[in-house]
Amino acid sequence: MPHPAPRPDIAWNPGGAERILIAAGADQLDEVEDLLATLPLCTRGQVFIEAERDIEITRLIAPGRVSVHWLSRERRLGAAKGEMLDRAVEAWLGEMLAGTDKDPSIYAWIAREGAARLLETR
């Protein structure tokens, strides 16, 4: 069954990537849900969403091998907007890219202040 395409204003084409990474603030939740809706059930990857407060945390529907992790600044006093998201992305990429004989194929959509950035390691 074909998967729906994301909205035309979202650059998203993970193709045959082995893993995906989606990272965004809670204010981009609609876009994240649209991206998740396009993923095949066999997709592997990680979603990080940074929220200002715990009350913003909601359940997201994702393929079974895609982990969704909310980062709440309310639980980490003094954290600047985007700081927790940056650290989570760096740690995840460091883990995925370290110690492998071949470079894994990762497709990432990272949205913070302003436009989303894409990262491909294919």
Protein backbone atom coordinates (compact mmCIF):
# COMPACT_ATOMS: atom_id res chain seq x y z
CA MET A 1 0.00 0.00 0.00
CA PRO A 2 1.51 3.38 -0.96
CA HIS A 3 2.13 5.84 1.82
CA PRO A 4 0.76 9.37 1.68
CA ALA A 5 3.12 12.10 0.61
CA PRO A 6 3.82 14.82 3.13
CA ARG A 7 2.50 18.30 2.59
CA PRO A 8 4.12 20.00 -0.41
CA ASP A 9 5.73 22.60 1.88
CA ILE A 10 7.76 19.91 3.70
CA ALA A 11 10.98 18.62 2.11
CA TRP A 12 10.87 14.89 2.90
CA ASN A 13 12.20 12.00 0.84
CA PRO A 14 13.90 9.35 3.00
CA GLY A 15 13.89 6.89 0.09
CA GLY A 16 15.81 3.76 1.07
CA ALA A 17 17.51 5.16 4.16
CA GLU A 18 18.26 2.50 6.80
CA ARG A 19 17.24 4.84 9.62
CA ILE A 20 15.41 8.12 9.96
CA LEU A 21 15.74 10.90 12.50
CA ILE A 22 13.08 13.54 13.09
CA ALA A 23 13.85 16.33 15.54
CA ALA A 24 11.61 19.31 16.21
CA GLY A 25 10.05 21.58 18.76
CA ALA A 26 6.49 21.03 19.89
CA ASP A 27 5.45 23.96 17.68
CA GLN A 28 6.24 21.75 14.64
CA LEU A 29 4.10 18.86 15.90
CA ASP A 30 1.74 18.99 12.89
CA GLU A 31 4.68 18.57 10.51
CA VAL A 32 6.11 15.70 12.58
CA GLU A 33 2.76 13.89 12.51
CA ASP A 34 2.59 14.35 8.73
CA LEU A 35 6.08 12.89 8.31
CA LEU A 36 5.34 9.93 10.57
CA ALA A 37 2.21 9.16 8.54
CA THR A 38 4.37 8.64 5.42
CA LEU A 39 6.67 6.01 6.94
CA PRO A 40 6.39 2.33 6.08
CA LEU A 41 5.84 -0.03 9.04
CA CYS A 42 9.38 -1.45 8.65
CA THR A 43 11.03 1.96 9.22
CA ARG A 44 13.67 2.23 11.93
CA GLY A 45 14.57 5.47 13.61
CA GLN A 46 14.16 8.09 16.29
CA VAL A 47 11.93 11.10 16.89
CA PHE A 48 12.89 13.80 19.39
CA ILE A 49 10.43 16.54 20.24
CA GLU A 50 11.31 19.34 22.64
CA ALA A 51 8.47 20.86 24.65
CA GLU A 52 8.49 23.82 26.97
CA ARG A 53 6.17 22.09 29.47
CA ASP A 54 5.00 18.55 30.21
CA ILE A 55 1.42 19.49 29.31
CA GLU A 56 2.47 19.73 25.63
CA ILE A 57 3.44 16.05 25.54
CA THR A 58 1.02 13.93 23.56
CA ARG A 59 0.92 10.47 22.05
CA LEU A 60 2.23 10.14 18.50
CA ILE A 61 1.56 7.26 16.14
CA ALA A 62 4.79 5.89 14.66
CA PRO A 63 6.00 2.61 13.18
CA GLY A 64 6.96 0.08 15.84
CA ARG A 65 10.70 0.47 15.25
CA VAL A 66 10.60 4.26 15.49
CA SER A 67 11.12 5.50 19.03
CA VAL A 68 9.47 8.77 20.05
CA HIS A 69 11.14 10.67 22.88
CA TRP A 70 9.79 13.91 24.36
CA LEU A 71 12.25 16.35 25.92
CA SER A 72 10.58 18.65 28.43
CA ARG A 73 12.40 21.83 29.47
CA GLU A 74 10.10 21.93 32.50
CA ARG A 75 12.06 18.95 33.87
CA ARG A 76 15.43 20.58 33.26
CA LEU A 77 15.49 23.99 34.84
CA GLY A 78 17.59 26.53 33.03
CA ALA A 79 17.63 24.69 29.69
CA ALA A 80 17.52 27.13 26.79
CA LYS A 81 15.10 26.54 23.93
CA GLY A 82 16.63 24.02 21.53
CA GLU A 83 19.44 22.99 23.88
CA MET A 84 17.96 19.63 24.84
CA LEU A 85 17.04 18.90 21.24
CA ASP A 86 20.57 19.66 20.01
CA ARG A 87 22.13 17.41 22.64
CA ALA A 88 19.74 14.56 21.90
CA VAL A 89 20.39 14.77 18.14
CA GLU A 90 24.17 14.90 18.62
CA ALA A 91 24.12 11.93 20.99
CA TRP A 92 21.88 9.83 18.73
CA LEU A 93 23.93 10.58 15.61
CA GLY A 94 27.14 9.89 17.53
CA GLU A 95 25.80 6.50 18.57
CA MET A 96 24.51 5.61 15.09
CA LEU A 97 27.67 6.70 13.27
CA ALA A 98 30.29 5.34 15.70
CA GLY A 99 32.06 2.03 15.41
CA THR A 100 30.54 0.78 12.18
CA ASP A 101 32.42 -0.86 9.33
CA LYS A 102 30.19 0.84 6.81
CA ASP A 103 28.47 4.17 7.00
CA PRO A 104 24.79 3.69 7.84
CA SER A 105 22.23 5.37 5.65
CA ILE A 106 20.48 8.01 7.78
CA TYR A 107 17.95 10.56 6.63
CA ALA A 108 17.20 13.34 9.09
CA TRP A 109 14.63 16.15 9.24
CA ILE A 110 15.61 18.65 11.92
CA ALA A 111 13.42 21.68 12.60
CA ARG A 112 14.27 24.43 15.04
CA GLU A 113 13.92 28.15 14.74
CA GLY A 114 13.33 28.88 11.05
CA ALA A 115 13.45 26.35 8.24
CA ALA A 116 13.95 22.63 8.72
CA ARG A 117 17.33 21.17 7.77
CA LEU A 118 17.84 17.87 5.98
CA LEU A 119 20.77 15.52 6.53
CA GLU A 120 21.57 12.49 4.41
CA THR A 121 24.43 10.06 4.91
CA ARG A 122 23.73 7.96 1.81
